[in-house]
Amino acid sequence: MITIKITDRSIRMNGHACQKSPDGIDRVCAAVSALTCNLINSLKDLTGDRIRGETASGMTVIEWEDLSDGGKLLIDSWFLGIAVIDQEYNCIQFE
């Protein structure tokens, strides 16, 4: 189970989806990771927002002080993608 906590200044994620296919690949974890890495890169490269992003196996922390409207839109877009994954695979717990 992936646990996600979203506050007005951060996103914190822990865990794994544990949805391995017969070939041993956890495509759900890969999808969540891809969306989240893209969010971090987009916030850094497409906005003037200052963020701190830290990732490791099964853990991600993204923190900010202030977000521009563009930064907020990117986070909303990321959340929509994460929510669709959860609807399909029921592997995310939101705190």
Protein backbone atom coordinates (compact mmCIF):
# COMPACT_ATOMS: atom_id res chain seq x y z
CA MET A 1 0.00 0.00 0.00
CA ILE A 2 1.21 3.48 -0.87
CA THR A 3 0.44 6.13 1.74
CA ILE A 4 0.17 9.75 0.56
CA LYS A 5 -0.15 12.76 2.84
CA ILE A 6 -0.75 16.12 1.16
CA THR A 7 -0.56 19.36 3.13
CA ASP A 8 -0.52 23.01 2.07
CA ARG A 9 3.31 22.86 1.98
CA SER A 10 4.23 19.27 1.15
CA ILE A 11 3.53 15.88 -0.33
CA ARG A 12 4.83 12.81 1.52
CA MET A 13 4.62 9.32 0.05
CA ASN A 14 5.68 6.00 1.57
CA GLY A 15 5.32 2.36 0.61
CA HIS A 16 4.86 0.25 -2.48
CA ALA A 17 1.80 -0.76 -4.45
CA CYS A 18 2.66 -4.50 -4.19
CA GLN A 19 0.86 -5.22 -7.45
CA LYS A 20 3.53 -7.30 -9.22
CA SER A 21 2.48 -8.93 -12.45
CA PRO A 22 3.48 -12.52 -13.27
CA ASP A 23 6.70 -11.22 -14.84
CA GLY A 24 7.68 -9.66 -11.49
CA ILE A 25 7.25 -6.03 -12.54
CA ASP A 26 5.18 -3.70 -10.37
CA ARG A 27 3.72 -1.48 -13.07
CA VAL A 28 1.51 0.37 -10.58
CA CYS A 29 4.54 1.46 -8.55
CA ALA A 30 6.28 2.38 -11.78
CA ALA A 31 3.32 4.54 -12.86
CA VAL A 32 3.12 6.33 -9.50
CA SER A 33 6.88 6.88 -9.57
CA ALA A 34 6.78 8.24 -13.12
CA LEU A 35 3.99 10.68 -12.31
CA THR A 36 5.77 11.84 -9.16
CA CYS A 37 9.19 12.26 -10.79
CA ASN A 38 7.51 14.19 -13.59
CA LEU A 39 5.82 16.43 -10.99
CA ILE A 40 9.15 17.21 -9.32
CA ASN A 41 10.86 17.94 -12.65
CA SER A 42 7.93 20.04 -13.89
CA LEU A 43 7.80 22.12 -10.72
CA LYS A 44 11.54 22.77 -11.02
CA ASP A 45 11.70 23.37 -14.77
CA LEU A 46 8.35 24.93 -15.70
CA THR A 47 7.70 27.24 -12.77
CA GLY A 48 9.77 29.67 -10.77
CA ASP A 49 8.72 27.83 -7.63
CA ARG A 50 11.41 26.75 -5.19
CA ILE A 51 10.85 23.20 -4.06
CA ARG A 52 12.81 20.49 -2.30
CA GLY A 53 12.30 17.01 -3.66
CA GLU A 54 13.78 13.88 -2.10
CA THR A 55 13.21 10.38 -3.43
CA ALA A 56 14.34 6.91 -2.42
CA SER A 57 12.91 3.44 -2.77
CA GLY A 58 9.39 3.59 -1.36
CA MET A 59 9.69 7.19 -0.17
CA THR A 60 9.20 10.64 -1.66
CA VAL A 61 9.03 14.05 0.00
CA ILE A 62 8.25 17.25 -1.89
CA GLU A 63 8.23 20.51 0.09
CA TRP A 64 7.65 24.14 -0.83
CA GLU A 65 7.05 27.52 0.81
CA ASP A 66 4.82 29.18 -1.79
CA LEU A 67 3.47 27.83 -5.05
CA SER A 68 2.54 29.80 -8.12
CA ASP A 69 -0.77 29.15 -9.85
CA GLY A 70 1.18 27.04 -12.34
CA GLY A 71 2.69 25.00 -9.53
CA LYS A 72 -0.73 24.41 -8.02
CA LEU A 73 -2.05 23.32 -11.40
CA LEU A 74 0.80 20.83 -11.79
CA ILE A 75 0.03 19.33 -8.37
CA ASP A 76 -3.68 19.14 -9.22
CA SER A 77 -2.81 17.33 -12.46
CA TRP A 78 -0.51 14.91 -10.59
CA PHE A 79 -3.29 14.23 -8.08
CA LEU A 80 -5.79 13.43 -10.84
CA GLY A 81 -3.38 10.84 -12.26
CA ILE A 82 -2.74 9.32 -8.84
CA ALA A 83 -6.48 9.17 -8.12
CA VAL A 84 -7.17 7.30 -11.38
CA ILE A 85 -4.47 4.75 -10.50
CA ASP A 86 -6.06 4.28 -7.09
CA GLN A 87 -9.53 3.84 -8.61
CA GLU A 88 -8.22 1.06 -10.82
CA TYR A 89 -5.89 -0.74 -8.40
CA ASN A 90 -7.02 0.33 -4.89
CA CYS A 91 -3.44 0.59 -3.67
CA ILE A 92 -3.20 4.12 -2.26
CA GLN A 93 -4.23 5.37 1.16
CA PHE A 94 -4.66 9.12 1.48
CA GLU A 95 -4.07 10.65 4.90
